Amino acid sequence: MIVNDIYNSHIDPIHEDMTVRDAVAILLKARHNGVLVLDERHELIGIFCIQDVVAAVVPEEMRENINLANAMYKSGFFEERCAHIKDKKVKHLMRTEFFRITRETNIMALAAEFLNTDLYMFPVMEKEGSNKVVGVITRSEVKKALAAGMDINT
């Protein structure tokens, strides 16, 4: 099985100059955990995902020590941190380093990378070395691949 068998060609990208607040609103409305970021030429420049927003809200020392996060808790702190980043531009939080695949990528390679990253969204590129996106693979497509591999009708 290859990516071409399961990828989703429907993408709703955002722009890097959008505010984090507006981008999170899009994620909520679309019920996604990440979205592709394209430039004015419609080329991929990043991925904006909820993990990176949370990382921007939670201070680094608290990410590394949950006991410190519990000990330092004060009412309204989370909301203050959210307010601090909401007007930042997507380009300041988006990922620019991530696994890129093509329609010819085999599912085993995709599955291996799926296990090695906290990012559960992979852009499907037109061809190797291209920045032109033709689709996306999410956890939903991985589930479909597993179902097909187990001969489960979906």
C-alpha atoms as a PDB file:
ATOM      1  CA  MET A   1       0.000   0.000   0.000  1.00  0.00           C
ATOM      2  CA  ILE A   2       1.203   3.534  -0.768  1.00  0.00           C
ATOM      3  CA  VAL A   3       0.095   7.012   0.324  1.00  0.00           C
ATOM      4  CA  ASN A   4      -1.790   7.471  -2.962  1.00  0.00           C
ATOM      5  CA  ASP A   5      -4.233   4.784  -1.760  1.00  0.00           C
ATOM      6  CA  ILE A   6      -5.333   6.705   1.349  1.00  0.00           C
ATOM      7  CA  TYR A   7      -4.348  10.384   1.326  1.00  0.00           C
ATOM      8  CA  ASN A   8      -6.911  13.173   1.641  1.00  0.00           C
ATOM      9  CA  SER A   9      -6.710  15.677  -1.221  1.00  0.00           C
ATOM     10  CA  HIS A  10      -8.900  18.210   0.601  1.00  0.00           C
ATOM     11  CA  ILE A  11      -6.872  20.790   2.508  1.00  0.00           C
ATOM     12  CA  ASP A  12      -7.886  24.068   4.120  1.00  0.00           C
ATOM     13  CA  PRO A  13      -4.595  25.925   4.568  1.00  0.00           C
ATOM     14  CA  ILE A  14      -3.957  29.114   6.494  1.00  0.00           C
ATOM     15  CA  HIS A  15      -1.501  31.981   5.984  1.00  0.00           C
ATOM     16  CA  GLU A  16       1.539  32.653   8.156  1.00  0.00           C
ATOM     17  CA  ASP A  17       0.380  36.202   9.022  1.00  0.00           C
ATOM     18  CA  MET A  18      -2.890  35.024  10.569  1.00  0.00           C
ATOM     19  CA  THR A  19      -3.095  35.479  14.347  1.00  0.00           C
ATOM     20  CA  VAL A  20      -2.780  32.465  16.617  1.00  0.00           C
ATOM     21  CA  ARG A  21      -6.260  33.252  17.966  1.00  0.00           C
ATOM     22  CA  ASP A  22      -7.819  33.108  14.492  1.00  0.00           C
ATOM     23  CA  ALA A  23      -5.900  29.946  13.616  1.00  0.00           C
ATOM     24  CA  VAL A  24      -7.028  28.176  16.810  1.00  0.00           C
ATOM     25  CA  ALA A  25     -10.616  29.215  16.002  1.00  0.00           C
ATOM     26  CA  ILE A  26     -10.224  27.521  12.603  1.00  0.00           C
ATOM     27  CA  LEU A  27      -8.877  24.365  14.258  1.00  0.00           C
ATOM     28  CA  LEU A  28     -11.876  24.291  16.592  1.00  0.00           C
ATOM     29  CA  LYS A  29     -14.405  24.846  13.826  1.00  0.00           C
ATOM     30  CA  ALA A  30     -12.830  22.263  11.518  1.00  0.00           C
ATOM     31  CA  ARG A  31     -12.228  19.796  14.386  1.00  0.00           C
ATOM     32  CA  HIS A  32      -8.575  19.426  13.397  1.00  0.00           C
ATOM     33  CA  ASN A  33      -5.418  19.417  15.504  1.00  0.00           C
ATOM     34  CA  GLY A  34      -3.253  20.923  12.794  1.00  0.00           C
ATOM     35  CA  VAL A  35      -3.366  22.802   9.539  1.00  0.00           C
ATOM     36  CA  LEU A  36      -0.939  23.438   6.695  1.00  0.00           C
ATOM     37  CA  VAL A  37       0.510  26.928   6.287  1.00  0.00           C
ATOM     38  CA  LEU A  38       0.953  28.060   2.682  1.00  0.00           C
ATOM     39  CA  ASP A  39       2.545  31.215   1.315  1.00  0.00           C
ATOM     40  CA  GLU A  40       1.117  33.541  -1.335  1.00  0.00           C
ATOM     41  CA  ARG A  41       2.392  31.178  -4.070  1.00  0.00           C
ATOM     42  CA  HIS A  42       0.383  28.357  -2.443  1.00  0.00           C
ATOM     43  CA  GLU A  43       3.575  26.568  -1.438  1.00  0.00           C
ATOM     44  CA  LEU A  44       4.021  24.826   1.903  1.00  0.00           C
ATOM     45  CA  ILE A  45       6.037  26.783   4.456  1.00  0.00           C
ATOM     46  CA  GLY A  46       4.900  25.194   7.727  1.00  0.00           C
ATOM     47  CA  ILE A  47       2.449  23.291   9.846  1.00  0.00           C
ATOM     48  CA  PHE A  48       0.488  24.955  12.624  1.00  0.00           C
ATOM     49  CA  CYS A  49      -0.602  22.449  15.254  1.00  0.00           C
ATOM     50  CA  ILE A  50      -2.221  22.499  18.647  1.00  0.00           C
ATOM     51  CA  GLN A  51       0.841  20.906  20.292  1.00  0.00           C
ATOM     52  CA  ASP A  52       2.911  23.971  19.443  1.00  0.00           C
ATOM     53  CA  VAL A  53       0.252  26.358  20.752  1.00  0.00           C
ATOM     54  CA  VAL A  54       0.162  24.470  24.045  1.00  0.00           C
ATOM     55  CA  ALA A  55       3.971  24.534  24.175  1.00  0.00           C
ATOM     56  CA  ALA A  56       3.870  28.330  23.769  1.00  0.00           C
ATOM     57  CA  VAL A  57       1.361  28.640  26.628  1.00  0.00           C
ATOM     58  CA  VAL A  58       3.124  26.355  29.112  1.00  0.00           C
ATOM     59  CA  PRO A  59       6.492  27.697  30.338  1.00  0.00           C
ATOM     60  CA  GLU A  60       9.385  25.415  29.418  1.00  0.00           C
ATOM     61  CA  GLU A  61      10.354  24.683  33.011  1.00  0.00           C
ATOM     62  CA  MET A  62       6.784  23.514  33.682  1.00  0.00           C
ATOM     63  CA  ARG A  63       6.819  21.244  30.603  1.00  0.00           C
ATOM     64  CA  GLU A  64       9.837  19.503  32.012  1.00  0.00           C
ATOM     65  CA  ASN A  65       8.481  19.248  35.564  1.00  0.00           C
ATOM     66  CA  ILE A  66       4.761  18.628  36.061  1.00  0.00           C
ATOM     67  CA  ASN A  67       5.237  18.933  39.838  1.00  0.00           C
ATOM     68  CA  LEU A  68       6.457  22.482  39.327  1.00  0.00           C
ATOM     69  CA  ALA A  69       3.406  23.184  37.158  1.00  0.00           C
ATOM     70  CA  ASN A  70       1.195  21.964  40.001  1.00  0.00           C
ATOM     71  CA  ALA A  71       3.136  23.873  42.680  1.00  0.00           C
ATOM     72  CA  MET A  72       3.200  27.137  40.718  1.00  0.00           C
ATOM     73  CA  TYR A  73      -0.473  27.074  39.808  1.00  0.00           C
ATOM     74  CA  LYS A  74      -2.433  30.262  40.395  1.00  0.00           C
ATOM     75  CA  SER A  75      -5.930  31.111  39.269  1.00  0.00           C
ATOM     76  CA  GLY A  76      -5.970  32.795  35.851  1.00  0.00           C
ATOM     77  CA  PHE A  77      -2.361  31.908  34.960  1.00  0.00           C
ATOM     78  CA  PHE A  78      -3.335  29.723  31.998  1.00  0.00           C
ATOM     79  CA  GLU A  79      -5.636  32.446  30.665  1.00  0.00           C
ATOM     80  CA  GLU A  80      -2.854  35.054  31.073  1.00  0.00           C
ATOM     81  CA  ARG A  81      -0.487  32.880  29.059  1.00  0.00           C
ATOM     82  CA  CYS A  82      -3.134  32.377  26.352  1.00  0.00           C
ATOM     83  CA  ALA A  83      -3.740  36.137  26.177  1.00  0.00           C
ATOM     84  CA  HIS A  84       0.024  36.653  25.847  1.00  0.00           C
ATOM     85  CA  ILE A  85       0.243  34.630  22.610  1.00  0.00           C
ATOM     86  CA  LYS A  86      -3.179  35.083  20.974  1.00  0.00           C
ATOM     87  CA  ASP A  87      -2.149  38.079  18.840  1.00  0.00           C
ATOM     88  CA  LYS A  88       1.153  36.573  17.705  1.00  0.00           C
ATOM     89  CA  LYS A  89       1.385  35.527  14.082  1.00  0.00           C
ATOM     90  CA  VAL A  90       1.157  31.881  13.090  1.00  0.00           C
ATOM     91  CA  LYS A  91       4.663  32.149  11.605  1.00  0.00           C
ATOM     92  CA  HIS A  92       6.085  32.523  15.124  1.00  0.00           C
ATOM     93  CA  LEU A  93       4.648  29.191  16.328  1.00  0.00           C
ATOM     94  CA  MET A  94       4.392  27.034  13.205  1.00  0.00           C
ATOM     95  CA  ARG A  95       6.738  24.143  12.544  1.00  0.00           C
ATOM     96  CA  THR A  96       9.035  24.361   9.587  1.00  0.00           C
ATOM     97  CA  GLU A  97      10.767  20.998  10.131  1.00  0.00           C
ATOM     98  CA  PHE A  98       8.586  17.963   9.479  1.00  0.00           C
ATOM     99  CA  PHE A  99       8.322  14.731   7.504  1.00  0.00           C
ATOM    100  CA  ARG A 100       7.223  15.275   3.896  1.00  0.00           C
ATOM    101  CA  ILE A 101       5.803  12.488   1.809  1.00  0.00           C
ATOM    102  CA  THR A 102       4.671  11.985  -1.766  1.00  0.00           C
ATOM    103  CA  ARG A 103       1.855   9.899  -3.168  1.00  0.00           C
ATOM    104  CA  GLU A 104       4.460   7.187  -3.860  1.00  0.00           C
ATOM    105  CA  THR A 105       5.642   6.936  -0.220  1.00  0.00           C
ATOM    106  CA  ASN A 106       4.981   3.461   1.146  1.00  0.00           C
ATOM    107  CA  ILE A 107       2.699   3.087   4.143  1.00  0.00           C
ATOM    108  CA  MET A 108       5.349   1.317   6.237  1.00  0.00           C
ATOM    109  CA  ALA A 109       7.628   4.384   6.026  1.00  0.00           C
ATOM    110  CA  LEU A 110       4.685   6.607   6.931  1.00  0.00           C
ATOM    111  CA  ALA A 111       3.752   4.368   9.879  1.00  0.00           C
ATOM    112  CA  ALA A 112       7.350   4.379  11.159  1.00  0.00           C
ATOM    113  CA  GLU A 113       7.464   8.188  11.080  1.00  0.00           C
ATOM    114  CA  PHE A 114       4.025   8.329  12.694  1.00  0.00           C
ATOM    115  CA  LEU A 115       5.575   6.567  15.704  1.00  0.00           C
ATOM    116  CA  ASN A 116       8.588   8.903  15.820  1.00  0.00           C
ATOM    117  CA  THR A 117       6.827  12.244  16.037  1.00  0.00           C
ATOM    118  CA  ASP A 118       4.189  14.071  18.034  1.00  0.00           C
ATOM    119  CA  LEU A 119       2.872  15.502  14.779  1.00  0.00           C
ATOM    120  CA  TYR A 120       0.012  13.434  13.410  1.00  0.00           C
ATOM    121  CA  MET A 121      -0.334  15.279  10.147  1.00  0.00           C
ATOM    122  CA  PHE A 122       1.898  14.862   7.139  1.00  0.00           C
ATOM    123  CA  PRO A 123       1.743  16.959   3.981  1.00  0.00           C
ATOM    124  CA  VAL A 124       1.602  15.016   0.725  1.00  0.00           C
ATOM    125  CA  MET A 125       3.813  16.771  -1.799  1.00  0.00           C
ATOM    126  CA  GLU A 126       3.374  16.763  -5.567  1.00  0.00           C
ATOM    127  CA  LYS A 127       6.840  15.224  -5.954  1.00  0.00           C
ATOM    128  CA  GLU A 128      10.055  14.759  -4.001  1.00  0.00           C
ATOM    129  CA  GLY A 129      11.714  18.115  -3.293  1.00  0.00           C
ATOM    130  CA  SER A 130       8.594  20.089  -4.210  1.00  0.00           C
ATOM    131  CA  ASN A 131       6.792  22.610  -1.989  1.00  0.00           C
ATOM    132  CA  LYS A 132       3.505  22.059  -3.855  1.00  0.00           C
ATOM    133  CA  VAL A 133       0.989  20.271  -1.629  1.00  0.00           C
ATOM    134  CA  VAL A 134      -1.546  17.864  -3.141  1.00  0.00           C
ATOM    135  CA  GLY A 135      -3.052  16.557   0.084  1.00  0.00           C
ATOM    136  CA  VAL A 136      -2.557  15.464   3.651  1.00  0.00           C
ATOM    137  CA  ILE A 137      -2.325  12.329   5.762  1.00  0.00           C
ATOM    138  CA  THR A 138      -3.828  12.530   9.256  1.00  0.00           C
ATOM    139  CA  ARG A 139      -4.562   9.986  11.967  1.00  0.00           C
ATOM    140  CA  SER A 140      -7.862   9.298  10.194  1.00  0.00           C
ATOM    141  CA  GLU A 141      -6.079   8.145   7.038  1.00  0.00           C
ATOM    142  CA  VAL A 142      -3.701   6.017   9.115  1.00  0.00           C
ATOM    143  CA  LYS A 143      -6.749   4.346  10.718  1.00  0.00           C
ATOM    144  CA  LYS A 144      -8.136   3.682   7.237  1.00  0.00           C
ATOM    145  CA  ALA A 145      -4.832   2.082   6.218  1.00  0.00           C
ATOM    146  CA  LEU A 146      -4.916  -0.124   9.304  1.00  0.00           C
ATOM    147  CA  ALA A 147      -8.516  -1.129   8.527  1.00  0.00           C
ATOM    148  CA  ALA A 148      -7.590  -1.958   4.936  1.00  0.00           C
ATOM    149  CA  GLY A 149      -4.566  -3.937   6.123  1.00  0.00           C
ATOM    150  CA  MET A 150      -6.830  -5.920   8.459  1.00  0.00           C
ATOM    151  CA  ASP A 151      -9.497  -6.359   5.783  1.00  0.00           C
ATOM    152  CA  ILE A 152     -12.074  -4.340   7.717  1.00  0.00           C
ATOM    153  CA  ASN A 153     -14.778  -2.743   5.575  1.00  0.00           C
ATOM    154  CA  THR A 154     -15.147   0.972   6.192  1.00  0.00           C
END
